[in-house]
Amino acid sequence: MGGSFDRSGLEVLSEAECWRFLESHHIGRLAVSIAGQPEVFPINYVVDDRTIVFLTAEGTKLAAALLGRAVAMEIDAADPMFHTGWSVVVRAHAEEIERLEELMAAQELPLRPWGPGDKRRYVRLVPTAVTGRRIVGAGVTGRATA
């Protein structure tokens, strides 16, 4: 457990705990801003050397990467019965993987598109901050698991 709590009483996860959650999950939500408007997209991803890699097609997610915009990614889990859960947020810069050696390495990652479409473009999220919180329901001992 992280051991410290924020002002609202949520447990603050250590960066190491956040990375463990990121490495053990593979579905998240990517938040980008295009033309001043927020957009959120589900993505499947893998962790690669403390970065996040996902596949995409031409479109908004790729445009955000090509424009070099700051993005955020979030993963979470909740147990509504016990009122427990956790959330990890990654703030990052998105960049398309284009250099041949990096592209070849990305193609070896255990990453395949889930949805339809021609998703051949690899995007890497280079984190600027990784934070997380966990909530343990009132009167419940233990911690949220995923």
N, C-alpha and C. Protein backbone atom coordinates (compact mmCIF):
# COMPACT_ATOMS: atom_id res chain seq x y z
N MET A 1 0.84 -1.19 0.00
CA MET A 1 0.00 0.00 0.00
C MET A 1 0.87 1.24 0.00
N GLY A 2 0.32 2.32 -0.52
CA GLY A 2 1.07 3.55 -0.62
C GLY A 2 1.35 4.19 0.73
N GLY A 3 0.41 4.13 1.66
CA GLY A 3 0.64 4.63 2.99
C GLY A 3 0.30 6.10 3.22
N SER A 4 0.22 6.91 2.17
CA SER A 4 -0.16 8.31 2.36
C SER A 4 -1.54 8.54 1.73
N PHE A 5 -2.17 9.61 2.19
CA PHE A 5 -3.53 9.89 1.75
C PHE A 5 -3.63 11.33 1.27
N ASP A 6 -4.47 11.57 0.27
CA ASP A 6 -4.67 12.94 -0.20
C ASP A 6 -5.68 13.64 0.70
N ARG A 7 -5.96 14.90 0.41
CA ARG A 7 -6.84 15.69 1.28
C ARG A 7 -8.27 15.17 1.32
N SER A 8 -8.66 14.38 0.33
CA SER A 8 -10.03 13.83 0.34
C SER A 8 -10.09 12.46 1.00
N GLY A 9 -8.95 11.95 1.46
CA GLY A 9 -8.94 10.66 2.15
C GLY A 9 -8.64 9.47 1.26
N LEU A 10 -8.34 9.70 -0.02
CA LEU A 10 -7.97 8.60 -0.90
C LEU A 10 -6.50 8.25 -0.70
N GLU A 11 -6.21 6.97 -0.75
CA GLU A 11 -4.82 6.54 -0.63
C GLU A 11 -4.06 6.91 -1.90
N VAL A 12 -2.90 7.51 -1.73
CA VAL A 12 -2.05 7.88 -2.86
C VAL A 12 -1.16 6.69 -3.19
N LEU A 13 -1.25 6.23 -4.42
CA LEU A 13 -0.42 5.11 -4.87
C LEU A 13 0.98 5.60 -5.20
N SER A 14 1.97 4.79 -4.90
CA SER A 14 3.34 5.13 -5.31
C SER A 14 3.45 4.97 -6.82
N GLU A 15 4.47 5.57 -7.40
CA GLU A 15 4.67 5.42 -8.84
C GLU A 15 4.89 3.96 -9.21
N ALA A 16 5.60 3.22 -8.35
CA ALA A 16 5.84 1.80 -8.62
C ALA A 16 4.52 1.03 -8.63
N GLU A 17 3.61 1.34 -7.70
CA GLU A 17 2.30 0.68 -7.69
C GLU A 17 1.52 1.02 -8.96
N CYS A 18 1.59 2.28 -9.38
CA CYS A 18 0.91 2.69 -10.61
C CYS A 18 1.41 1.89 -11.80
N TRP A 19 2.73 1.72 -11.91
CA TRP A 19 3.29 0.96 -13.02
C TRP A 19 2.88 -0.51 -12.96
N ARG A 20 2.76 -1.06 -11.76
CA ARG A 20 2.28 -2.45 -11.65
C ARG A 20 0.86 -2.58 -12.20
N PHE A 21 0.00 -1.62 -11.86
CA PHE A 21 -1.35 -1.65 -12.43
C PHE A 21 -1.30 -1.48 -13.95
N LEU A 22 -0.51 -0.54 -14.43
CA LEU A 22 -0.41 -0.32 -15.88
C LEU A 22 0.09 -1.57 -16.60
N GLU A 23 1.06 -2.26 -16.01
CA GLU A 23 1.62 -3.45 -16.65
C GLU A 23 0.67 -4.64 -16.61
N SER A 24 -0.22 -4.68 -15.63
CA SER A 24 -1.11 -5.84 -15.51
C SER A 24 -2.47 -5.63 -16.17
N HIS A 25 -2.69 -4.48 -16.76
CA HIS A 25 -3.93 -4.18 -17.47
C HIS A 25 -3.59 -3.74 -18.89
N HIS A 26 -4.57 -3.80 -19.77
CA HIS A 26 -4.26 -3.49 -21.17
C HIS A 26 -5.35 -2.69 -21.87
N ILE A 27 -6.32 -2.21 -21.11
CA ILE A 27 -7.38 -1.37 -21.67
C ILE A 27 -7.40 -0.07 -20.88
N GLY A 28 -7.41 1.04 -21.59
CA GLY A 28 -7.47 2.33 -20.93
C GLY A 28 -8.25 3.32 -21.77
N ARG A 29 -8.28 4.56 -21.29
CA ARG A 29 -8.93 5.65 -22.01
C ARG A 29 -7.91 6.73 -22.28
N LEU A 30 -7.81 7.12 -23.53
CA LEU A 30 -6.89 8.17 -23.94
C LEU A 30 -7.66 9.47 -24.10
N ALA A 31 -7.21 10.51 -23.42
CA ALA A 31 -7.83 11.84 -23.53
C ALA A 31 -6.91 12.75 -24.32
N VAL A 32 -7.47 13.37 -25.36
CA VAL A 32 -6.73 14.30 -26.20
C VAL A 32 -7.55 15.57 -26.37
N SER A 33 -6.90 16.60 -26.83
CA SER A 33 -7.60 17.84 -27.14
C SER A 33 -7.30 18.19 -28.60
N ILE A 34 -8.36 18.29 -29.39
CA ILE A 34 -8.22 18.63 -30.80
C ILE A 34 -9.07 19.86 -31.06
N ALA A 35 -8.45 20.88 -31.60
CA ALA A 35 -9.14 22.14 -31.88
C ALA A 35 -9.84 22.68 -30.63
N GLY A 36 -9.18 22.52 -29.48
CA GLY A 36 -9.72 23.04 -28.24
C GLY A 36 -10.86 22.24 -27.64
N GLN A 37 -11.15 21.09 -28.23
CA GLN A 37 -12.24 20.25 -27.73
C GLN A 37 -11.68 18.94 -27.18
N PRO A 38 -12.12 18.53 -25.99
CA PRO A 38 -11.64 17.26 -25.44
C PRO A 38 -12.29 16.07 -26.13
N GLU A 39 -11.52 15.03 -26.30
CA GLU A 39 -12.00 13.77 -26.86
C GLU A 39 -11.42 12.64 -26.01
N VAL A 40 -12.19 11.59 -25.77
CA VAL A 40 -11.72 10.44 -25.01
C VAL A 40 -11.99 9.19 -25.83
N PHE A 41 -10.96 8.33 -25.92
CA PHE A 41 -11.04 7.12 -26.73
C PHE A 41 -10.58 5.92 -25.93
N PRO A 42 -11.28 4.79 -26.05
CA PRO A 42 -10.75 3.56 -25.46
C PRO A 42 -9.57 3.08 -26.30
N ILE A 43 -8.55 2.57 -25.62
CA ILE A 43 -7.40 1.99 -26.33
C ILE A 43 -6.99 0.70 -25.63
N ASN A 44 -6.41 -0.21 -26.39
CA ASN A 44 -5.69 -1.31 -25.79
C ASN A 44 -4.21 -0.99 -25.98
N TYR A 45 -3.42 -1.32 -24.97
CA TYR A 45 -2.04 -0.85 -24.95
C TYR A 45 -1.14 -1.90 -24.31
N VAL A 46 0.17 -1.66 -24.44
CA VAL A 46 1.17 -2.41 -23.68
C VAL A 46 2.16 -1.41 -23.10
N VAL A 47 2.76 -1.80 -21.99
CA VAL A 47 3.83 -1.01 -21.39
C VAL A 47 5.14 -1.48 -22.01
N ASP A 48 5.96 -0.52 -22.44
CA ASP A 48 7.25 -0.82 -23.04
C ASP A 48 8.28 0.13 -22.44
N ASP A 49 9.09 -0.38 -21.53
CA ASP A 49 10.17 0.40 -20.93
C ASP A 49 9.67 1.74 -20.37
N ARG A 50 8.66 1.65 -19.51
CA ARG A 50 8.07 2.81 -18.84
C ARG A 50 7.46 3.83 -19.81
N THR A 51 7.01 3.34 -20.95
CA THR A 51 6.18 4.11 -21.87
C THR A 51 4.96 3.26 -22.20
N ILE A 52 3.96 3.88 -22.81
CA ILE A 52 2.73 3.19 -23.20
C ILE A 52 2.68 3.19 -24.73
N VAL A 53 2.43 2.03 -25.33
CA VAL A 53 2.36 1.92 -26.79
C VAL A 53 0.99 1.39 -27.18
N PHE A 54 0.40 2.00 -28.21
CA PHE A 54 -0.87 1.51 -28.75
C PHE A 54 -0.87 1.66 -30.26
N LEU A 55 -1.75 0.92 -30.90
CA LEU A 55 -1.95 0.97 -32.35
C LEU A 55 -3.16 1.83 -32.67
N THR A 56 -3.10 2.52 -33.79
CA THR A 56 -4.25 3.31 -34.22
C THR A 56 -4.24 3.44 -35.74
N ALA A 57 -5.32 3.97 -36.26
CA ALA A 57 -5.43 4.25 -37.69
C ALA A 57 -5.36 5.77 -37.86
N GLU A 58 -5.47 6.23 -39.09
CA GLU A 58 -5.55 7.66 -39.34
C GLU A 58 -6.75 8.22 -38.57
N GLY A 59 -6.61 9.37 -37.98
CA GLY A 59 -7.73 9.96 -37.26
C GLY A 59 -7.27 10.82 -36.10
N THR A 60 -8.16 11.05 -35.17
CA THR A 60 -7.93 12.00 -34.08
C THR A 60 -6.78 11.59 -33.18
N LYS A 61 -6.72 10.30 -32.78
CA LYS A 61 -5.63 9.86 -31.90
C LYS A 61 -4.28 10.07 -32.57
N LEU A 62 -4.19 9.71 -33.83
CA LEU A 62 -2.93 9.89 -34.55
C LEU A 62 -2.63 11.37 -34.73
N ALA A 63 -3.64 12.17 -35.03
CA ALA A 63 -3.45 13.62 -35.18
C ALA A 63 -2.88 14.22 -33.91
N ALA A 64 -3.38 13.78 -32.76
CA ALA A 64 -2.87 14.28 -31.49
C ALA A 64 -1.39 13.93 -31.34
N ALA A 65 -1.02 12.73 -31.77
CA ALA A 65 0.39 12.33 -31.69
C ALA A 65 1.25 13.16 -32.64
N LEU A 66 0.77 13.36 -33.85
CA LEU A 66 1.55 14.10 -34.84
C LEU A 66 1.69 15.57 -34.47
N LEU A 67 0.72 16.11 -33.78
CA LEU A 67 0.78 17.51 -33.36
C LEU A 67 1.62 17.69 -32.11
N GLY A 68 2.07 16.59 -31.50
CA GLY A 68 2.91 16.68 -30.32
C GLY A 68 2.19 17.22 -29.11
N ARG A 69 0.91 17.03 -29.03
CA ARG A 69 0.11 17.55 -27.93
C ARG A 69 0.28 16.70 -26.67
N ALA A 70 0.09 17.35 -25.54
CA ALA A 70 0.03 16.62 -24.29
C ALA A 70 -1.28 15.84 -24.26
N VAL A 71 -1.23 14.64 -23.75
CA VAL A 71 -2.40 13.78 -23.64
C VAL A 71 -2.45 13.21 -22.23
N ALA A 72 -3.54 12.53 -21.91
CA ALA A 72 -3.64 11.80 -20.65
C ALA A 72 -4.25 10.45 -20.95
N MET A 73 -3.86 9.46 -20.16
CA MET A 73 -4.44 8.13 -20.26
C MET A 73 -4.85 7.71 -18.85
N GLU A 74 -5.96 7.02 -18.74
CA GLU A 74 -6.46 6.59 -17.44
C GLU A 74 -6.89 5.14 -17.50
N ILE A 75 -6.57 4.41 -16.43
CA ILE A 75 -7.08 3.06 -16.24
C ILE A 75 -7.66 3.01 -14.84
N ASP A 76 -8.61 2.11 -14.63
CA ASP A 76 -9.19 2.00 -13.30
C ASP A 76 -9.91 0.68 -13.13
N ALA A 77 -10.29 0.42 -11.90
CA ALA A 77 -11.14 -0.72 -11.58
C ALA A 77 -11.94 -0.36 -10.34
N ALA A 78 -13.13 -0.92 -10.23
CA ALA A 78 -13.99 -0.64 -9.08
C ALA A 78 -14.77 -1.89 -8.70
N ASP A 79 -15.04 -1.99 -7.43
CA ASP A 79 -15.90 -3.04 -6.91
C ASP A 79 -17.09 -2.35 -6.25
N PRO A 80 -18.21 -2.21 -6.98
CA PRO A 80 -19.35 -1.48 -6.43
C PRO A 80 -19.96 -2.12 -5.19
N MET A 81 -19.79 -3.40 -5.03
CA MET A 81 -20.34 -4.07 -3.85
C MET A 81 -19.62 -3.63 -2.57
N PHE A 82 -18.30 -3.51 -2.65
CA PHE A 82 -17.51 -3.17 -1.47
C PHE A 82 -17.05 -1.71 -1.47
N HIS A 83 -17.45 -0.95 -2.48
CA HIS A 83 -17.10 0.48 -2.57
C HIS A 83 -15.59 0.68 -2.52
N THR A 84 -14.88 -0.13 -3.29
CA THR A 84 -13.43 -0.02 -3.37
C THR A 84 -13.05 0.19 -4.83
N GLY A 85 -11.86 0.66 -5.04
CA GLY A 85 -11.38 0.83 -6.40
C GLY A 85 -10.07 1.56 -6.44
N TRP A 86 -9.56 1.72 -7.64
CA TRP A 86 -8.32 2.45 -7.84
C TRP A 86 -8.36 3.10 -9.22
N SER A 87 -7.49 4.07 -9.41
CA SER A 87 -7.38 4.76 -10.69
C SER A 87 -5.93 5.20 -10.86
N VAL A 88 -5.42 5.06 -12.08
CA VAL A 88 -4.08 5.52 -12.43
C VAL A 88 -4.21 6.45 -13.62
N VAL A 89 -3.55 7.60 -13.55
CA VAL A 89 -3.56 8.58 -14.63
C VAL A 89 -2.12 8.81 -15.08
N VAL A 90 -1.92 8.74 -16.39
CA VAL A 90 -0.63 9.01 -17.00
C VAL A 90 -0.77 10.28 -17.82
N ARG A 91 0.00 11.29 -17.48
CA ARG A 91 0.10 12.49 -18.31
C ARG A 91 1.33 12.29 -19.18
N ALA A 92 1.19 12.58 -20.48
CA ALA A 92 2.27 12.22 -21.39
C ALA A 92 2.29 13.10 -22.63
N HIS A 93 3.38 12.93 -23.36
CA HIS A 93 3.48 13.47 -24.72
C HIS A 93 3.34 12.28 -25.65
N ALA A 94 2.55 12.44 -26.70
CA ALA A 94 2.33 11.36 -27.66
C ALA A 94 3.24 11.59 -28.86
N GLU A 95 3.81 10.50 -29.35
CA GLU A 95 4.63 10.59 -30.55
C GLU A 95 4.44 9.33 -31.39
N GLU A 96 4.40 9.51 -32.68
CA GLU A 96 4.28 8.34 -33.56
C GLU A 96 5.63 7.66 -33.64
N ILE A 97 5.61 6.33 -33.62
CA ILE A 97 6.84 5.56 -33.78
C ILE A 97 7.09 5.42 -35.27
N GLU A 98 8.19 6.02 -35.75
CA GLU A 98 8.47 6.03 -37.18
C GLU A 98 9.85 5.50 -37.55
N ARG A 99 10.83 5.66 -36.65
CA ARG A 99 12.18 5.18 -36.97
C ARG A 99 12.14 3.67 -37.15
N LEU A 100 12.79 3.20 -38.17
CA LEU A 100 12.72 1.79 -38.56
C LEU A 100 13.02 0.85 -37.40
N GLU A 101 14.11 1.07 -36.68
CA GLU A 101 14.45 0.13 -35.60
C GLU A 101 13.42 0.16 -34.47
N GLU A 102 12.88 1.33 -34.16
CA GLU A 102 11.84 1.43 -33.13
C GLU A 102 10.53 0.80 -33.61
N LEU A 103 10.22 0.98 -34.89
CA LEU A 103 9.02 0.39 -35.47
C LEU A 103 9.11 -1.13 -35.47
N MET A 104 10.26 -1.66 -35.82
CA MET A 104 10.44 -3.11 -35.81
C MET A 104 10.30 -3.66 -34.39
N ALA A 105 10.84 -2.94 -33.41
CA ALA A 105 10.71 -3.37 -32.01
C ALA A 105 9.24 -3.30 -31.57
N ALA A 106 8.52 -2.26 -31.98
CA ALA A 106 7.11 -2.11 -31.61
C ALA A 106 6.28 -3.25 -32.20
N GLN A 107 6.61 -3.68 -33.41
CA GLN A 107 5.87 -4.76 -34.05
C GLN A 107 6.05 -6.09 -33.33
N GLU A 108 7.09 -6.21 -32.51
CA GLU A 108 7.33 -7.43 -31.73
C GLU A 108 6.59 -7.41 -30.40
N LEU A 109 6.02 -6.27 -30.01
CA LEU A 109 5.29 -6.18 -28.75
C LEU A 109 4.00 -7.01 -28.83
N PRO A 110 3.52 -7.52 -27.70
CA PRO A 110 2.26 -8.29 -27.71
C PRO A 110 1.05 -7.36 -27.80
N LEU A 111 0.91 -6.74 -28.96
CA LEU A 111 -0.12 -5.72 -29.16
C LEU A 111 -0.81 -5.98 -30.49
N ARG A 112 -2.10 -6.20 -30.43
CA ARG A 112 -2.91 -6.43 -31.63
C ARG A 112 -4.18 -5.60 -31.49
N PRO A 113 -4.68 -5.05 -32.61
CA PRO A 113 -5.92 -4.27 -32.54
C PRO A 113 -7.09 -5.14 -32.11
N TRP A 114 -7.96 -4.58 -31.31
CA TRP A 114 -9.18 -5.28 -30.90
C TRP A 114 -10.33 -4.94 -31.83
N GLY A 115 -10.40 -3.69 -32.21
CA GLY A 115 -11.52 -3.23 -33.02
C GLY A 115 -11.23 -3.34 -34.50
N PRO A 116 -12.26 -3.08 -35.30
CA PRO A 116 -12.09 -3.14 -36.76
C PRO A 116 -11.28 -1.96 -37.26
N GLY A 117 -10.87 -2.05 -38.48
CA GLY A 117 -10.14 -0.95 -39.12
C GLY A 117 -8.68 -1.31 -39.33
N ASP A 118 -8.05 -0.51 -40.15
CA ASP A 118 -6.67 -0.72 -40.54
C ASP A 118 -5.75 0.04 -39.58
N LYS A 119 -5.45 -0.57 -38.45
CA LYS A 119 -4.65 0.07 -37.41
C LYS A 119 -3.21 -0.38 -37.53
N ARG A 120 -2.42 0.43 -38.21
CA ARG A 120 -1.02 0.09 -38.44
C ARG A 120 -0.05 1.12 -37.89
N ARG A 121 -0.56 2.17 -37.31
CA ARG A 121 0.30 3.25 -36.83
C ARG A 121 0.52 3.08 -35.33
N TYR A 122 1.77 3.02 -34.93
CA TYR A 122 2.12 2.86 -33.52
C TYR A 122 2.34 4.24 -32.90
N VAL A 123 1.76 4.43 -31.72
CA VAL A 123 1.92 5.67 -30.98
C VAL A 123 2.51 5.32 -29.62
N ARG A 124 3.49 6.12 -29.20
CA ARG A 124 4.11 5.94 -27.89
C ARG A 124 3.76 7.13 -27.00
N LEU A 125 3.29 6.84 -25.79
CA LEU A 125 3.06 7.87 -24.80
C LEU A 125 4.27 7.90 -23.88
N VAL A 126 4.95 9.05 -23.85
CA VAL A 126 6.12 9.24 -23.00
C VAL A 126 5.65 10.02 -21.78
N PRO A 127 5.57 9.36 -20.63
CA PRO A 127 4.98 10.00 -19.45
C PRO A 127 5.77 11.20 -18.93
N THR A 128 5.02 12.20 -18.51
CA THR A 128 5.59 13.33 -17.77
C THR A 128 5.19 13.21 -16.30
N ALA A 129 4.12 12.47 -16.01
CA ALA A 129 3.68 12.22 -14.64
C ALA A 129 2.82 10.96 -14.62
N VAL A 130 2.99 10.16 -13.58
CA VAL A 130 2.18 8.95 -13.38
C VAL A 130 1.68 9.00 -11.93
N THR A 131 0.37 9.08 -11.77
CA THR A 131 -0.21 9.20 -10.44
C THR A 131 -1.37 8.23 -10.29
N GLY A 132 -1.69 7.91 -9.04
CA GLY A 132 -2.80 7.01 -8.81
C GLY A 132 -3.39 7.19 -7.43
N ARG A 133 -4.62 6.75 -7.31
CA ARG A 133 -5.36 6.81 -6.05
C ARG A 133 -6.10 5.49 -5.87
N ARG A 134 -6.33 5.15 -4.60
CA ARG A 134 -7.09 3.95 -4.28
C ARG A 134 -8.08 4.34 -3.20
N ILE A 135 -9.28 3.78 -3.28
CA ILE A 135 -10.29 4.00 -2.24
C ILE A 135 -10.66 2.66 -1.64
N VAL A 136 -10.70 2.63 -0.34
CA VAL A 136 -11.17 1.46 0.40
C VAL A 136 -12.46 1.87 1.05
N GLY A 137 -13.53 1.12 0.81
CA GLY A 137 -14.85 1.47 1.31
C GLY A 137 -14.90 1.63 2.82
N ALA A 138 -15.82 2.44 3.30
CA ALA A 138 -15.99 2.68 4.73
C ALA A 138 -16.25 1.37 5.46
N GLY A 139 -15.48 1.11 6.49
CA GLY A 139 -15.69 -0.08 7.30
C GLY A 139 -15.16 -1.35 6.68
N VAL A 140 -14.49 -1.24 5.53
CA VAL A 140 -13.96 -2.41 4.85
C VAL A 140 -12.46 -2.44 5.07
N THR A 141 -11.94 -3.57 5.48
CA THR A 141 -10.50 -3.70 5.63
C THR A 141 -9.94 -4.34 4.38
N GLY A 142 -8.69 -4.13 4.14
CA GLY A 142 -8.07 -4.67 2.95
C GLY A 142 -7.95 -3.59 1.90
N ARG A 143 -7.68 -4.02 0.69
CA ARG A 143 -7.52 -3.04 -0.36
C ARG A 143 -8.17 -3.52 -1.64
N ALA A 144 -8.39 -2.57 -2.53
CA ALA A 144 -8.99 -2.92 -3.82
C ALA A 144 -8.01 -3.72 -4.63
N THR A 145 -8.51 -4.72 -5.31
CA THR A 145 -7.68 -5.50 -6.21
C THR A 145 -8.28 -5.44 -7.59
N ALA A 146 -7.51 -5.84 -8.53
CA ALA A 146 -8.02 -5.76 -9.90
C ALA A 146 -8.21 -7.10 -10.49
